[in-house]
Amino acid sequence: MDQFGAFTRAVNGFCASPAATAAAFVIVVVWALCGPVFHYSDGWQLVINTGTTIVTFLMVFVLNNAQSRDTSAINAKLDALIVAIEKADNRAVGLELKPDSDAKAISTEIQASVSPA
């Protein structure tokens, strides 16, 4: 599983780079310039449609992995801060792991105690 994480971090790092944006732009320009050569055929259109569909499908998983990893790291850091502060309300620690009804009730209670009356 760690290999998938390393792979997704590398892909995410590349896709967020100016080089990836430039490469995508060049691919689209080359494809568009080939239009007259292929008489704007169905096959010519199918190439870009298939390519973008495949890339989009795969990127959903890569981005989901990156977002989940980032969210987990942020939650762990926030939990560490809450625990480190003596006067903090520790009910919020691990809130994302609790059942939705419990999490909503705790969140509502905490917000009510913080909001001015």
Protein backbone atom coordinates (compact mmCIF):
# COMPACT_ATOMS: atom_id res chain seq x y z
CA MET A 1 0.00 0.00 0.00
CA ASP A 2 2.91 2.33 0.63
CA GLN A 3 3.91 1.96 -3.04
CA PHE A 4 0.52 3.33 -4.09
CA GLY A 5 0.96 6.27 -1.72
CA ALA A 6 4.41 7.01 -3.13
CA PHE A 7 3.04 6.73 -6.66
CA THR A 8 0.12 9.06 -5.98
CA ARG A 9 2.39 11.61 -4.28
CA ALA A 10 4.68 11.59 -7.33
CA VAL A 11 1.77 11.88 -9.79
CA ASN A 12 0.13 14.61 -7.71
CA GLY A 13 3.42 16.50 -7.51
CA PHE A 14 3.89 16.31 -11.27
CA CYS A 15 0.29 17.19 -12.12
CA ALA A 16 0.51 20.31 -9.95
CA SER A 17 3.59 21.51 -11.82
CA PRO A 18 3.85 24.04 -14.65
CA ALA A 19 5.43 21.29 -16.78
CA ALA A 20 2.24 19.21 -16.60
CA THR A 21 0.11 22.20 -17.57
CA ALA A 22 2.43 22.94 -20.48
CA ALA A 23 2.37 19.29 -21.58
CA ALA A 24 -1.44 19.22 -21.53
CA PHE A 25 -1.56 22.47 -23.50
CA VAL A 26 0.89 21.12 -26.11
CA ILE A 27 -1.11 17.89 -26.47
CA VAL A 28 -4.32 19.82 -27.11
CA VAL A 29 -2.63 22.17 -29.58
CA VAL A 30 -1.05 19.26 -31.51
CA TRP A 31 -4.39 17.47 -31.54
CA ALA A 32 -6.16 20.60 -32.83
CA LEU A 33 -3.52 21.17 -35.52
CA CYS A 34 -4.01 17.59 -36.70
CA GLY A 35 -7.71 18.26 -37.29
CA PRO A 36 -7.38 19.36 -40.91
CA VAL A 37 -5.05 16.44 -41.68
CA PHE A 38 -7.66 13.96 -40.47
CA HIS A 39 -10.56 16.02 -41.90
CA TYR A 40 -11.96 16.52 -38.41
CA SER A 41 -13.08 12.90 -38.47
CA ASP A 42 -14.85 10.96 -35.75
CA GLY A 43 -11.59 9.12 -35.08
CA TRP A 44 -9.76 12.42 -34.61
CA GLN A 45 -12.36 13.51 -32.04
CA LEU A 46 -12.34 10.09 -30.40
CA VAL A 47 -8.60 10.38 -29.67
CA ILE A 48 -8.97 13.46 -27.47
CA ASN A 49 -12.24 12.29 -25.91
CA THR A 50 -10.79 8.90 -24.96
CA GLY A 51 -7.53 10.39 -23.71
CA THR A 52 -9.17 13.00 -21.53
CA THR A 53 -11.68 10.49 -20.16
CA ILE A 54 -8.94 8.06 -19.13
CA VAL A 55 -6.80 10.77 -17.57
CA THR A 56 -9.79 12.24 -15.72
CA PHE A 57 -10.86 8.82 -14.42
CA LEU A 58 -7.39 8.04 -13.08
CA MET A 59 -6.86 11.51 -11.63
CA VAL A 60 -10.02 11.16 -9.53
CA PHE A 61 -8.32 8.38 -7.58
CA VAL A 62 -4.97 10.15 -7.34
CA LEU A 63 -6.56 13.38 -6.09
CA ASN A 64 -8.87 11.51 -3.70
CA ASN A 65 -5.84 9.76 -2.19
CA ALA A 66 -3.96 13.04 -1.82
CA GLN A 67 -6.96 14.79 -0.27
CA SER A 68 -7.61 11.93 2.17
CA ARG A 69 -3.96 11.89 3.22
CA ASP A 70 -3.94 15.66 3.73
CA THR A 71 -7.21 15.59 5.69
CA SER A 72 -5.92 12.82 7.96
CA ALA A 73 -2.71 14.75 8.62
CA ILE A 74 -4.61 17.96 9.41
CA ASN A 75 -6.97 16.11 11.77
CA ALA A 76 -4.05 14.48 13.58
CA LYS A 77 -2.29 17.83 13.98
CA LEU A 78 -5.43 19.53 15.25
CA ASP A 79 -6.05 16.67 17.69
CA ALA A 80 -2.48 17.05 18.98
CA LEU A 81 -3.05 20.78 19.51
CA ILE A 82 -6.33 20.19 21.35
CA VAL A 83 -4.73 17.61 23.63
CA ALA A 84 -1.72 19.88 24.28
CA ILE A 85 -3.88 22.76 25.52
CA GLU A 86 -5.00 22.00 29.08
CA LYS A 87 -8.16 24.12 28.96
CA ALA A 88 -9.29 22.79 25.56
CA ASP A 89 -12.50 20.79 25.18
CA ASN A 90 -11.20 17.32 24.34
CA ARG A 91 -14.57 16.09 23.04
CA ALA A 92 -13.53 17.26 19.56
CA VAL A 93 -10.51 14.93 19.45
CA GLY A 94 -11.21 12.24 16.85
CA LEU A 95 -14.54 13.83 15.95
CA GLU A 96 -14.20 12.66 12.33
CA LEU A 97 -14.17 9.03 13.54
CA LYS A 98 -17.38 9.24 15.58
CA PRO A 99 -20.84 8.36 14.23
CA ASP A 100 -22.48 11.26 12.41
CA SER A 101 -25.15 11.78 15.08
CA ASP A 102 -22.56 11.95 17.89
CA ALA A 103 -20.26 14.20 15.86
CA LYS A 104 -23.10 16.60 15.06
CA ALA A 105 -24.24 16.73 18.69
CA ILE A 106 -20.71 17.40 19.97
CA SER A 107 -20.10 20.01 17.28
CA THR A 108 -23.38 21.75 18.12
CA GLU A 109 -22.57 21.77 21.85
CA ILE A 110 -19.08 23.15 21.27
CA GLN A 111 -20.35 25.87 18.93
CA ALA A 112 -23.09 26.81 21.38
CA SER A 113 -20.54 27.20 24.20
CA VAL A 114 -18.33 29.39 21.99
CA SER A 115 -21.03 31.55 20.39
CA PRO A 116 -22.06 34.68 22.22
CA ALA A 117 -25.53 34.47 23.76
